[in-house]
Protein backbone atom coordinates (compact mmCIF):
# COMPACT_ATOMS: atom_id res chain seq x y z
CA MET A 1 32.74 80.94 171.59
CA THR A 2 31.98 82.55 174.94
CA GLU A 3 34.04 82.03 178.08
CA GLN A 4 31.32 79.78 179.53
CA GLN A 5 31.21 77.68 176.36
CA LYS A 6 34.98 77.25 176.49
CA ILE A 7 34.80 76.11 180.13
CA GLU A 8 31.99 73.69 179.30
CA ALA A 9 34.04 72.28 176.42
CA ILE A 10 36.94 71.63 178.81
CA ALA A 11 34.49 70.06 181.29
CA ASN A 12 33.22 67.74 178.55
CA ASP A 13 36.81 66.69 177.85
CA ILE A 14 37.30 65.98 181.56
CA GLN A 15 34.16 63.85 181.55
CA ASP A 16 35.53 61.93 178.57
CA GLY A 17 38.80 61.26 180.38
CA ILE A 18 40.98 63.21 177.94
CA TYR A 19 43.02 64.73 180.78
CA GLY A 20 43.86 61.34 182.29
CA TRP A 21 41.28 61.16 185.04
CA THR A 22 37.54 60.79 185.48
CA GLN A 23 35.26 61.12 188.45
CA LYS A 24 34.39 57.53 189.40
CA CYS A 25 31.75 58.04 192.05
CA GLY A 26 28.87 60.36 192.82
CA THR A 27 25.75 61.35 190.97
CA GLU A 28 25.88 62.70 187.44
CA TRP A 29 25.26 66.18 188.86
CA GLN A 30 28.22 65.82 191.24
CA LYS A 31 30.46 64.58 188.41
CA TRP A 32 29.45 67.52 186.19
CA THR A 33 29.99 70.01 189.03
CA TYR A 34 33.44 68.55 189.71
CA SER A 35 34.29 68.76 186.01
CA LEU A 36 33.12 72.37 185.77
CA ASN A 37 35.17 73.35 188.83
CA GLN A 38 38.28 71.67 187.40
CA ALA A 39 37.62 73.21 183.97
CA ARG A 40 37.41 76.69 185.52
CA LYS A 41 40.80 76.13 187.18
CA ILE A 42 42.31 74.94 183.89
CA TYR A 43 40.83 77.89 182.00
CA ASP A 44 42.09 80.39 184.60
CA GLY A 45 45.57 78.82 184.56
CA GLU A 46 45.41 77.65 188.19
CA LEU A 47 45.64 73.99 187.19
CA ILE A 48 48.21 73.00 184.60
CA ILE A 49 47.77 69.63 182.92
CA GLN A 50 50.75 67.88 181.33
CA LEU A 51 49.43 65.54 178.67
CA ASN A 52 51.73 62.67 177.75
CA ILE A 53 50.77 61.70 174.26
CA ASP A 54 52.84 58.93 172.75
CA ASN A 55 52.92 58.66 168.98
CA GLU A 56 54.28 55.13 168.97
């Protein structure tokens, strides 16, 4: 998997709400651009996400 593919996979997860937030307004292009920018930050380690997963 290339670096770009990894970033796009993270962006898809952001779009799906896996990280606890989704972009609620804007065009689909704006939402995808936002997700890609956030995914790049996550991939580069600039944005750390704490997932709270309850197994209850």
